[in-house]
């Protein structure tokens, strides 16, 4: 029976972060102004996402390639960001599974 207990579920599942949908608005320095994300969403991840989005917009501006919208699709998360005069509004949403269309 000890071997079966090894494969049974443990409390480690509670450590997984549930992907929620919501938005954050940040200023040009990365300070969060507003957020509709639940408090359970890790603040460290929100800061990482916002700093990278701001860096992409800043780098595009420095390269004289104005970028107003950014859409990133990952297997589990879709990030849509819009530039707001140096800051950004960032929308987070769980990605829906891609189902191939039938060829009929």
PDB file of N, CA and C in Angstrom:
ATOM      1  N   UNK A   1       0.812  -1.205   0.000  1.00  0.00           N
ATOM      2  CA  UNK A   1       0.000   0.000   0.000  1.00  0.00           C
ATOM      3  C   UNK A   1       0.852   1.265   0.000  1.00  0.00           C
ATOM      4  N   UNK A   2       2.042   1.194   0.525  1.00  0.00           N
ATOM      5  CA  UNK A   2       2.887   2.369   0.547  1.00  0.00           C
ATOM      6  C   UNK A   2       3.221   2.874  -0.844  1.00  0.00           C
ATOM      7  N   UNK A   3       3.366   1.958  -1.811  1.00  0.00           N
ATOM      8  CA  UNK A   3       3.662   2.351  -3.180  1.00  0.00           C
ATOM      9  C   UNK A   3       2.505   3.124  -3.791  1.00  0.00           C
ATOM     10  N   UNK A   4       1.277   2.723  -3.492  1.00  0.00           N
ATOM     11  CA  UNK A   4       0.112   3.425  -4.024  1.00  0.00           C
ATOM     12  C   UNK A   4      -0.014   4.824  -3.429  1.00  0.00           C
ATOM     13  N   UNK A   5       0.353   4.973  -2.174  1.00  0.00           N
ATOM     14  CA  UNK A   5       0.302   6.293  -1.549  1.00  0.00           C
ATOM     15  C   UNK A   5       1.287   7.258  -2.210  1.00  0.00           C
ATOM     16  N   UNK A   6       2.372   6.725  -2.762  1.00  0.00           N
ATOM     17  CA  UNK A   6       3.364   7.553  -3.424  1.00  0.00           C
ATOM     18  C   UNK A   6       2.774   8.259  -4.646  1.00  0.00           C
ATOM     19  N   UNK A   7       1.861   7.570  -5.345  1.00  0.00           N
ATOM     20  CA  UNK A   7       1.264   8.130  -6.550  1.00  0.00           C
ATOM     21  C   UNK A   7      -0.027   8.894  -6.293  1.00  0.00           C
ATOM     22  N   UNK A   8      -0.501   8.909  -5.080  1.00  0.00           N
ATOM     23  CA  UNK A   8      -1.755   9.614  -4.796  1.00  0.00           C
ATOM     24  C   UNK A   8      -1.513  11.118  -4.764  1.00  0.00           C
ATOM     25  N   UNK A   9      -2.594  11.871  -4.884  1.00  0.00           N
ATOM     26  CA  UNK A   9      -2.488  13.333  -4.883  1.00  0.00           C
ATOM     27  C   UNK A   9      -2.019  13.827  -3.523  1.00  0.00           C
ATOM     28  N   UNK A  10      -1.255  14.903  -3.578  1.00  0.00           N
ATOM     29  CA  UNK A  10      -0.787  15.528  -2.341  1.00  0.00           C
ATOM     30  C   UNK A  10      -1.251  16.973  -2.314  1.00  0.00           C
ATOM     31  N   UNK A  11      -0.897  17.676  -1.278  1.00  0.00           N
ATOM     32  CA  UNK A  11      -1.281  19.077  -1.138  1.00  0.00           C
ATOM     33  C   UNK A  11      -0.441  20.000  -2.013  1.00  0.00           C
ATOM     34  N   UNK A  12       0.514  19.447  -2.775  1.00  0.00           N
ATOM     35  CA  UNK A  12       1.352  20.274  -3.640  1.00  0.00           C
ATOM     36  C   UNK A  12       0.550  20.952  -4.735  1.00  0.00           C
ATOM     37  N   UNK A  13      -0.624  20.428  -5.050  1.00  0.00           N
ATOM     38  CA  UNK A  13      -1.463  21.006  -6.093  1.00  0.00           C
ATOM     39  C   UNK A  13      -1.901  22.409  -5.697  1.00  0.00           C
ATOM     40  N   UNK A  14      -2.025  22.679  -4.413  1.00  0.00           N
ATOM     41  CA  UNK A  14      -2.463  24.001  -3.964  1.00  0.00           C
ATOM     42  C   UNK A  14      -1.437  25.087  -4.291  1.00  0.00           C
ATOM     43  N   UNK A  15      -0.200  24.705  -4.612  1.00  0.00           N
ATOM     44  CA  UNK A  15       0.828  25.681  -4.950  1.00  0.00           C
ATOM     45  C   UNK A  15       0.713  26.194  -6.376  1.00  0.00           C
ATOM     46  N   UNK A  16      -0.126  25.559  -7.198  1.00  0.00           N
ATOM     47  CA  UNK A  16      -0.291  26.007  -8.569  1.00  0.00           C
ATOM     48  C   UNK A  16      -1.072  27.312  -8.603  1.00  0.00           C
ATOM     49  N   UNK A  17      -0.684  28.200  -9.496  1.00  0.00           N
ATOM     50  CA  UNK A  17      -1.372  29.472  -9.642  1.00  0.00           C
ATOM     51  C   UNK A  17      -2.470  29.325 -10.676  1.00  0.00           C
ATOM     52  N   UNK A  18      -3.672  29.652 -10.287  1.00  0.00           N
ATOM     53  CA  UNK A  18      -4.780  29.607 -11.227  1.00  0.00           C
ATOM     54  C   UNK A  18      -4.714  30.865 -12.085  1.00  0.00           C
ATOM     55  N   UNK A  19      -4.744  30.672 -13.389  1.00  0.00           N
ATOM     56  CA  UNK A  19      -4.661  31.815 -14.285  1.00  0.00           C
ATOM     57  C   UNK A  19      -5.995  32.533 -14.324  1.00  0.00           C
ATOM     58  N   UNK A  20      -5.971  33.776 -13.993  1.00  0.00           N
ATOM     59  CA  UNK A  20      -7.179  34.583 -13.958  1.00  0.00           C
ATOM     60  C   UNK A  20      -7.131  35.607 -15.071  1.00  0.00           C
ATOM     61  N   UNK A  21      -8.292  36.137 -15.387  1.00  0.00           N
ATOM     62  CA  UNK A  21      -8.314  37.216 -16.369  1.00  0.00           C
ATOM     63  C   UNK A  21      -8.471  38.536 -15.628  1.00  0.00           C
ATOM     64  N   UNK A  22      -7.964  39.579 -16.231  1.00  0.00           N
ATOM     65  CA  UNK A  22      -8.051  40.900 -15.634  1.00  0.00           C
ATOM     66  C   UNK A  22      -7.116  41.843 -16.357  1.00  0.00           C
ATOM     67  N   UNK A  23      -6.979  43.032 -15.814  1.00  0.00           N
ATOM     68  CA  UNK A  23      -6.110  44.019 -16.449  1.00  0.00           C
ATOM     69  C   UNK A  23      -5.351  44.801 -15.394  1.00  0.00           C
ATOM     70  N   UNK A  24      -4.248  45.380 -15.834  1.00  0.00           N
ATOM     71  CA  UNK A  24      -3.480  46.281 -14.979  1.00  0.00           C
ATOM     72  C   UNK A  24      -3.113  47.504 -15.809  1.00  0.00           C
ATOM     73  N   UNK A  25      -3.076  48.634 -15.156  1.00  0.00           N
ATOM     74  CA  UNK A  25      -2.630  49.870 -15.789  1.00  0.00           C
ATOM     75  C   UNK A  25      -1.389  50.322 -15.039  1.00  0.00           C
ATOM     76  N   UNK A  26      -0.319  50.592 -15.791  1.00  0.00           N
ATOM     77  CA  UNK A  26       0.935  51.018 -15.175  1.00  0.00           C
ATOM     78  C   UNK A  26       1.392  52.332 -15.796  1.00  0.00           C
ATOM     79  N   UNK A  27       2.096  53.130 -14.995  1.00  0.00           N
ATOM     80  CA  UNK A  27       2.639  54.380 -15.530  1.00  0.00           C
ATOM     81  C   UNK A  27       3.985  54.105 -16.188  1.00  0.00           C
ATOM     82  N   UNK A  28       4.645  55.139 -16.649  1.00  0.00           N
ATOM     83  CA  UNK A  28       5.895  54.973 -17.398  1.00  0.00           C
ATOM     84  C   UNK A  28       7.035  54.404 -16.562  1.00  0.00           C
ATOM     85  N   UNK A  29       6.919  54.468 -15.244  1.00  0.00           N
ATOM     86  CA  UNK A  29       7.954  53.927 -14.366  1.00  0.00           C
ATOM     87  C   UNK A  29       7.622  52.527 -13.873  1.00  0.00           C
ATOM     88  N   UNK A  30       6.492  51.978 -14.303  1.00  0.00           N
ATOM     89  CA  UNK A  30       6.114  50.625 -13.918  1.00  0.00           C
ATOM     90  C   UNK A  30       5.275  50.535 -12.659  1.00  0.00           C
ATOM     91  N   UNK A  31       4.890  51.676 -12.100  1.00  0.00           N
ATOM     92  CA  UNK A  31       4.048  51.680 -10.909  1.00  0.00           C
ATOM     93  C   UNK A  31       2.628  51.290 -11.300  1.00  0.00           C
ATOM     94  N   UNK A  32       2.070  50.342 -10.571  1.00  0.00           N
ATOM     95  CA  UNK A  32       0.712  49.886 -10.869  1.00  0.00           C
ATOM     96  C   UNK A  32      -0.278  50.937 -10.390  1.00  0.00           C
ATOM     97  N   UNK A  33      -1.102  51.424 -11.313  1.00  0.00           N
ATOM     98  CA  UNK A  33      -2.099  52.441 -10.992  1.00  0.00           C
ATOM     99  C   UNK A  33      -3.424  51.774 -10.641  1.00  0.00           C
ATOM    100  N   UNK A  34      -3.881  50.875 -11.505  1.00  0.00           N
ATOM    101  CA  UNK A  34      -5.115  50.134 -11.239  1.00  0.00           C
ATOM    102  C   UNK A  34      -4.916  48.682 -11.631  1.00  0.00           C
ATOM    103  N   UNK A  35      -5.711  47.815 -11.011  1.00  0.00           N
ATOM    104  CA  UNK A  35      -5.645  46.394 -11.322  1.00  0.00           C
ATOM    105  C   UNK A  35      -7.003  45.755 -11.073  1.00  0.00           C
ATOM    106  N   UNK A  36      -7.410  44.891 -11.994  1.00  0.00           N
ATOM    107  CA  UNK A  36      -8.635  44.112 -11.790  1.00  0.00           C
ATOM    108  C   UNK A  36      -8.302  42.641 -11.580  1.00  0.00           C
ATOM    109  N   UNK A  37      -7.015  42.344 -11.406  1.00  0.00           N
ATOM    110  CA  UNK A  37      -6.605  40.968 -11.136  1.00  0.00           C
ATOM    111  C   UNK A  37      -6.925  40.617  -9.689  1.00  0.00           C
ATOM    112  N   UNK A  38      -7.233  39.354  -9.411  1.00  0.00           N
ATOM    113  CA  UNK A  38      -7.491  38.973  -8.024  1.00  0.00           C
ATOM    114  C   UNK A  38      -6.224  39.089  -7.177  1.00  0.00           C
ATOM    115  N   UNK A  39      -6.400  39.260  -5.901  1.00  0.00           N
ATOM    116  CA  UNK A  39      -5.249  39.393  -4.997  1.00  0.00           C
ATOM    117  C   UNK A  39      -4.397  38.134  -4.967  1.00  0.00           C
ATOM    118  N   UNK A  40      -4.991  37.000  -5.336  1.00  0.00           N
ATOM    119  CA  UNK A  40      -4.247  35.742  -5.336  1.00  0.00           C
ATOM    120  C   UNK A  40      -3.220  35.681  -6.465  1.00  0.00           C
ATOM    121  N   UNK A  41      -3.353  36.549  -7.469  1.00  0.00           N
ATOM    122  CA  UNK A  41      -2.390  36.565  -8.577  1.00  0.00           C
ATOM    123  C   UNK A  41      -1.075  37.118  -8.044  1.00  0.00           C
ATOM    124  N   UNK A  42       0.029  36.400  -8.211  1.00  0.00           N
ATOM    125  CA  UNK A  42       1.308  36.818  -7.617  1.00  0.00           C
ATOM    126  C   UNK A  42       1.770  38.197  -8.097  1.00  0.00           C
ATOM    127  N   UNK A  43       2.024  39.074  -7.149  1.00  0.00           N
ATOM    128  CA  UNK A  43       2.450  40.443  -7.462  1.00  0.00           C
ATOM    129  C   UNK A  43       3.779  40.451  -8.210  1.00  0.00           C
ATOM    130  N   UNK A  44       4.632  39.502  -7.892  1.00  0.00           N
ATOM    131  CA  UNK A  44       5.926  39.412  -8.558  1.00  0.00           C
ATOM    132  C   UNK A  44       5.745  39.163 -10.064  1.00  0.00           C
ATOM    133  N   UNK A  45       4.779  38.333 -10.424  1.00  0.00           N
ATOM    134  CA  UNK A  45       4.523  38.067 -11.841  1.00  0.00           C
ATOM    135  C   UNK A  45       3.926  39.290 -12.532  1.00  0.00           C
ATOM    136  N   UNK A  46       3.059  40.004 -11.836  1.00  0.00           N
ATOM    137  CA  UNK A  46       2.470  41.221 -12.400  1.00  0.00           C
ATOM    138  C   UNK A  46       3.568  42.247 -12.684  1.00  0.00           C
ATOM    139  N   UNK A  47       4.484  42.415 -11.751  1.00  0.00           N
ATOM    140  CA  UNK A  47       5.584  43.365 -11.934  1.00  0.00           C
ATOM    141  C   UNK A  47       6.494  42.939 -13.082  1.00  0.00           C
ATOM    142  N   UNK A  48       6.748  41.641 -13.198  1.00  0.00           N
ATOM    143  CA  UNK A  48       7.601  41.137 -14.281  1.00  0.00           C
ATOM    144  C   UNK A  48       6.953  41.372 -15.640  1.00  0.00           C
ATOM    145  N   UNK A  49       5.672  41.059 -15.745  1.00  0.00           N
ATOM    146  CA  UNK A  49       4.950  41.260 -17.005  1.00  0.00           C
ATOM    147  C   UNK A  49       4.942  42.735 -17.377  1.00  0.00           C
ATOM    148  N   UNK A  50       4.606  43.597 -16.417  1.00  0.00           N
ATOM    149  CA  UNK A  50       4.511  45.029 -16.727  1.00  0.00           C
ATOM    150  C   UNK A  50       5.867  45.619 -17.104  1.00  0.00           C
ATOM    151  N   UNK A  51       6.935  45.219 -16.426  1.00  0.00           N
ATOM    152  CA  UNK A  51       8.252  45.774 -16.758  1.00  0.00           C
ATOM    153  C   UNK A  51       8.706  45.331 -18.146  1.00  0.00           C
ATOM    154  N   UNK A  52       8.408  44.104 -18.511  1.00  0.00           N
ATOM    155  CA  UNK A  52       8.807  43.629 -19.850  1.00  0.00           C
ATOM    156  C   UNK A  52       7.993  44.301 -20.948  1.00  0.00           C
ATOM    157  N   UNK A  53       6.702  44.491 -20.703  1.00  0.00           N
ATOM    158  CA  UNK A  53       5.858  45.169 -21.694  1.00  0.00           C
ATOM    159  C   UNK A  53       6.340  46.602 -21.889  1.00  0.00           C
ATOM    160  N   UNK A  54       6.621  47.311 -20.803  1.00  0.00           N
ATOM    161  CA  UNK A  54       7.111  48.689 -20.913  1.00  0.00           C
ATOM    162  C   UNK A  54       8.446  48.750 -21.649  1.00  0.00           C
ATOM    163  N   UNK A  55       9.316  47.770 -21.401  1.00  0.00           N
ATOM    164  CA  UNK A  55      10.610  47.734 -22.084  1.00  0.00           C
ATOM    165  C   UNK A  55      10.421  47.522 -23.584  1.00  0.00           C
ATOM    166  N   UNK A  56       9.491  46.671 -23.973  1.00  0.00           N
ATOM    167  CA  UNK A  56       9.232  46.445 -25.400  1.00  0.00           C
ATOM    168  C   UNK A  56       8.757  47.737 -26.060  1.00  0.00           C
ATOM    169  N   UNK A  57       7.813  48.438 -25.420  1.00  0.00           N
ATOM    170  CA  UNK A  57       7.320  49.697 -25.983  1.00  0.00           C
ATOM    171  C   UNK A  57       8.439  50.743 -26.057  1.00  0.00           C
ATOM    172  N   UNK A  58       9.269  50.819 -25.016  1.00  0.00           N
ATOM    173  CA  UNK A  58      10.366  51.790 -24.988  1.00  0.00           C
ATOM    174  C   UNK A  58      11.391  51.480 -26.074  1.00  0.00           C
ATOM    175  N   UNK A  59      11.768  50.203 -26.201  1.00  0.00           N
ATOM    176  CA  UNK A  59      12.744  49.813 -27.220  1.00  0.00           C
ATOM    177  C   UNK A  59      12.219  50.081 -28.629  1.00  0.00           C
ATOM    178  N   UNK A  60      10.936  49.838 -28.844  1.00  0.00           N
ATOM    179  CA  UNK A  60      10.344  50.105 -30.162  1.00  0.00           C
ATOM    180  C   UNK A  60      10.379  51.600 -30.471  1.00  0.00           C
ATOM    181  N   UNK A  61      10.104  52.422 -29.464  1.00  0.00           N
ATOM    182  CA  UNK A  61      10.124  53.877 -29.663  1.00  0.00           C
ATOM    183  C   UNK A  61      11.538  54.363 -29.969  1.00  0.00           C
ATOM    184  N   UNK A  62      12.534  53.828 -29.248  1.00  0.00           N
ATOM    185  CA  UNK A  62      13.925  54.215 -29.484  1.00  0.00           C
ATOM    186  C   UNK A  62      14.399  53.788 -30.872  1.00  0.00           C
ATOM    187  N   UNK A  63      13.846  52.702 -31.384  1.00  0.00           N
ATOM    188  CA  UNK A  63      14.205  52.221 -32.723  1.00  0.00           C
ATOM    189  C   UNK A  63      13.388  52.925 -33.801  1.00  0.00           C
ATOM    190  N   UNK A  64      12.619  53.925 -33.397  1.00  0.00           N
ATOM    191  CA  UNK A  64      11.744  54.691 -34.291  1.00  0.00           C
ATOM    192  C   UNK A  64      10.758  53.787 -35.033  1.00  0.00           C
ATOM    193  N   UNK A  65      10.253  52.810 -34.307  1.00  0.00           N
ATOM    194  CA  UNK A  65       9.215  51.909 -34.813  1.00  0.00           C
ATOM    195  C   UNK A  65       8.052  51.966 -33.829  1.00  0.00           C
ATOM    196  N   UNK A  66       7.255  53.012 -33.890  1.00  0.00           N
ATOM    197  CA  UNK A  66       6.189  53.173 -32.906  1.00  0.00           C
ATOM    198  C   UNK A  66       5.292  51.937 -32.837  1.00  0.00           C
ATOM    199  N   UNK A  67       5.122  51.461 -31.649  1.00  0.00           N
ATOM    200  CA  UNK A  67       4.305  50.282 -31.392  1.00  0.00           C
ATOM    201  C   UNK A  67       3.189  50.709 -30.455  1.00  0.00           C
ATOM    202  N   UNK A  68       1.947  50.512 -30.851  1.00  0.00           N
ATOM    203  CA  UNK A  68       0.829  50.937 -30.010  1.00  0.00           C
ATOM    204  C   UNK A  68       0.134  49.767 -29.335  1.00  0.00           C
ATOM    205  N   UNK A  69       0.253  48.580 -29.916  1.00  0.00           N
ATOM    206  CA  UNK A  69      -0.409  47.409 -29.337  1.00  0.00           C
ATOM    207  C   UNK A  69       0.502  46.201 -29.462  1.00  0.00           C
ATOM    208  N   UNK A  70       0.443  45.352 -28.453  1.00  0.00           N
ATOM    209  CA  UNK A  70       1.267  44.155 -28.401  1.00  0.00           C
ATOM    210  C   UNK A  70       0.384  42.991 -27.980  1.00  0.00           C
ATOM    211  N   UNK A  71       0.435  41.901 -28.728  1.00  0.00           N
ATOM    212  CA  UNK A  71      -0.335  40.709 -28.379  1.00  0.00           C
ATOM    213  C   UNK A  71       0.635  39.540 -28.291  1.00  0.00           C
ATOM    214  N   UNK A  72       0.685  38.913 -27.121  1.00  0.00           N
ATOM    215  CA  UNK A  72       1.534  37.749 -26.890  1.00  0.00           C
ATOM    216  C   UNK A  72       0.638  36.574 -26.528  1.00  0.00           C
ATOM    217  N   UNK A  73       0.780  35.474 -27.249  1.00  0.00           N
ATOM    218  CA  UNK A  73      -0.017  34.284 -26.959  1.00  0.00           C
ATOM    219  C   UNK A  73       0.905  33.150 -26.550  1.00  0.00           C
ATOM    220  N   UNK A  74       0.705  32.680 -25.335  1.00  0.00           N
ATOM    221  CA  UNK A  74       1.425  31.539 -24.804  1.00  0.00           C
ATOM    222  C   UNK A  74       0.440  30.378 -24.693  1.00  0.00           C
ATOM    223  N   UNK A  75       0.921  29.152 -24.485  1.00  0.00           N
ATOM    224  CA  UNK A  75      -0.017  28.028 -24.398  1.00  0.00           C
ATOM    225  C   UNK A  75      -1.108  28.208 -23.333  1.00  0.00           C
ATOM    226  N   UNK A  76      -0.797  28.872 -22.235  1.00  0.00           N
ATOM    227  CA  UNK A  76      -1.787  29.004 -21.169  1.00  0.00           C
ATOM    228  C   UNK A  76      -2.254  30.433 -20.920  1.00  0.00           C
ATOM    229  N   UNK A  77      -1.606  31.420 -21.509  1.00  0.00           N
ATOM    230  CA  UNK A  77      -1.915  32.809 -21.185  1.00  0.00           C
ATOM    231  C   UNK A  77      -1.814  33.698 -22.423  1.00  0.00           C
ATOM    232  N   UNK A  78      -2.771  34.609 -22.556  1.00  0.00           N
ATOM    233  CA  UNK A  78      -2.735  35.605 -23.626  1.00  0.00           C
ATOM    234  C   UNK A  78      -2.571  36.976 -22.979  1.00  0.00           C
ATOM    235  N   UNK A  79      -1.581  37.725 -23.456  1.00  0.00           N
ATOM    236  CA  UNK A  79      -1.308  39.067 -22.946  1.00  0.00           C
ATOM    237  C   UNK A  79      -1.530  40.057 -24.085  1.00  0.00           C
ATOM    238  N   UNK A  80      -2.410  41.019 -23.847  1.00  0.00           N
ATOM    239  CA  UNK A  80      -2.647  42.091 -24.807  1.00  0.00           C
ATOM    240  C   UNK A  80      -2.312  43.395 -24.103  1.00  0.00           C
ATOM    241  N   UNK A  81      -1.456  44.199 -24.706  1.00  0.00           N
ATOM    242  CA  UNK A  81      -1.039  45.457 -24.082  1.00  0.00           C
ATOM    243  C   UNK A  81      -1.187  46.599 -25.071  1.00  0.00           C
ATOM    244  N   UNK A  82      -1.590  47.755 -24.542  1.00  0.00           N
ATOM    245  CA  UNK A  82      -1.703  48.969 -25.351  1.00  0.00           C
ATOM    246  C   UNK A  82      -0.892  50.069 -24.683  1.00  0.00           C
ATOM    247  N   UNK A  83      -0.144  50.790 -25.497  1.00  0.00           N
ATOM    248  CA  UNK A  83       0.709  51.861 -24.996  1.00  0.00           C
ATOM    249  C   UNK A  83      -0.140  53.078 -24.649  1.00  0.00           C
ATOM    250  N   UNK A  84       0.156  53.689 -23.503  1.00  0.00           N
ATOM    251  CA  UNK A  84      -0.581  54.865 -23.040  1.00  0.00           C
ATOM    252  C   UNK A  84       0.397  55.973 -22.650  1.00  0.00           C
ATOM    253  N   UNK A  85       0.931  56.692 -23.607  1.00  0.00           N
ATOM    254  CA  UNK A  85       1.831  57.826 -23.346  1.00  0.00           C
ATOM    255  C   UNK A  85       2.954  57.481 -22.365  1.00  0.00           C
ATOM    256  N   UNK A  86       3.637  56.412 -22.632  1.00  0.00           N
ATOM    257  CA  UNK A  86       4.735  55.994 -21.773  1.00  0.00           C
ATOM    258  C   UNK A  86       4.357  54.869 -20.837  1.00  0.00           C
ATOM    259  N   UNK A  87       3.126  54.809 -20.429  1.00  0.00           N
ATOM    260  CA  UNK A  87       2.642  53.719 -19.596  1.00  0.00           C
ATOM    261  C   UNK A  87       1.955  52.682 -20.468  1.00  0.00           C
ATOM    262  N   UNK A  88       1.162  51.826 -19.845  1.00  0.00           N
ATOM    263  CA  UNK A  88       0.474  50.798 -20.620  1.00  0.00           C
ATOM    264  C   UNK A  88      -0.726  50.260 -19.852  1.00  0.00           C
ATOM    265  N   UNK A  89      -1.693  49.762 -20.606  1.00  0.00           N
ATOM    266  CA  UNK A  89      -2.769  48.976 -20.027  1.00  0.00           C
ATOM    267  C   UNK A  89      -2.561  47.567 -20.557  1.00  0.00           C
ATOM    268  N   UNK A  90      -2.548  46.612 -19.651  1.00  0.00           N
ATOM    269  CA  UNK A  90      -2.204  45.233 -19.988  1.00  0.00           C
ATOM    270  C   UNK A  90      -3.372  44.333 -19.596  1.00  0.00           C
ATOM    271  N   UNK A  91      -3.840  43.560 -20.557  1.00  0.00           N
ATOM    272  CA  UNK A  91      -4.940  42.627 -20.330  1.00  0.00           C
ATOM    273  C   UNK A  91      -4.379  41.211 -20.278  1.00  0.00           C
ATOM    274  N   UNK A  92      -4.749  40.464 -19.253  1.00  0.00           N
ATOM    275  CA  UNK A  92      -4.326  39.073 -19.116  1.00  0.00           C
ATOM    276  C   UNK A  92      -5.556  38.181 -19.200  1.00  0.00           C
ATOM    277  N   UNK A  93      -5.448  37.094 -19.953  1.00  0.00           N
ATOM    278  CA  UNK A  93      -6.564  36.159 -20.081  1.00  0.00           C
ATOM    279  C   UNK A  93      -6.016  34.758 -20.311  1.00  0.00           C
ATOM    280  N   UNK A  94      -6.636  33.753 -19.697  1.00  0.00           N
ATOM    281  CA  UNK A  94      -6.213  32.382 -19.988  1.00  0.00           C
ATOM    282  C   UNK A  94      -6.464  32.072 -21.461  1.00  0.00           C
ATOM    283  N   UNK A  95      -5.537  31.382 -22.091  1.00  0.00           N
ATOM    284  CA  UNK A  95      -5.707  31.011 -23.498  1.00  0.00           C
ATOM    285  C   UNK A  95      -6.667  29.844 -23.599  1.00  0.00           C
ATOM    286  N   UNK A  96      -7.479  29.888 -24.628  1.00  0.00           N
ATOM    287  CA  UNK A  96      -8.367  28.759 -24.872  1.00  0.00           C
ATOM    288  C   UNK A  96      -7.617  27.751 -25.729  1.00  0.00           C
ATOM    289  N   UNK A  97      -7.896  26.468 -25.530  1.00  0.00           N
ATOM    290  CA  UNK A  97      -7.187  25.457 -26.315  1.00  0.00           C
ATOM    291  C   UNK A  97      -7.515  25.590 -27.796  1.00  0.00           C
ATOM    292  N   UNK A  98      -6.510  25.428 -28.619  1.00  0.00           N
ATOM    293  CA  UNK A  98      -6.693  25.506 -30.066  1.00  0.00           C
ATOM    294  C   UNK A  98      -7.176  24.151 -30.574  1.00  0.00           C
ATOM    295  N   UNK A  99      -8.332  24.146 -31.219  1.00  0.00           N
ATOM    296  CA  UNK A  99      -8.894  22.919 -31.770  1.00  0.00           C
ATOM    297  C   UNK A  99      -8.791  23.000 -33.283  1.00  0.00           C
ATOM    298  N   UNK A 100      -8.109  22.033 -33.906  1.00  0.00           N
ATOM    299  CA  UNK A 100      -7.997  22.088 -35.363  1.00  0.00           C
ATOM    300  C   UNK A 100      -9.351  21.896 -36.025  1.00  0.00           C
ATOM    301  N   UNK A 101      -9.564  22.629 -37.116  1.00  0.00           N
ATOM    302  CA  UNK A 101     -10.825  22.521 -37.846  1.00  0.00           C
ATOM    303  C   UNK A 101     -10.819  21.251 -38.677  1.00  0.00           C
ATOM    304  N   UNK A 102     -11.986  20.630 -38.785  1.00  0.00           N
ATOM    305  CA  UNK A 102     -12.085  19.420 -39.596  1.00  0.00           C
ATOM    306  C   UNK A 102     -12.018  19.799 -41.068  1.00  0.00           C
ATOM    307  N   UNK A 103     -11.488  18.925 -41.872  1.00  0.00           N
ATOM    308  CA  UNK A 103     -11.291  19.210 -43.287  1.00  0.00           C
ATOM    309  C   UNK A 103     -12.470  18.850 -44.156  1.00  0.00           C
ATOM    310  N   UNK A 104     -13.688  18.815 -43.627  1.00  0.00           N
ATOM    311  CA  UNK A 104     -14.841  18.440 -44.449  1.00  0.00           C
ATOM    312  C   UNK A 104     -15.425  19.576 -45.210  1.00  0.00           C
TER     313      UNK A 104
END
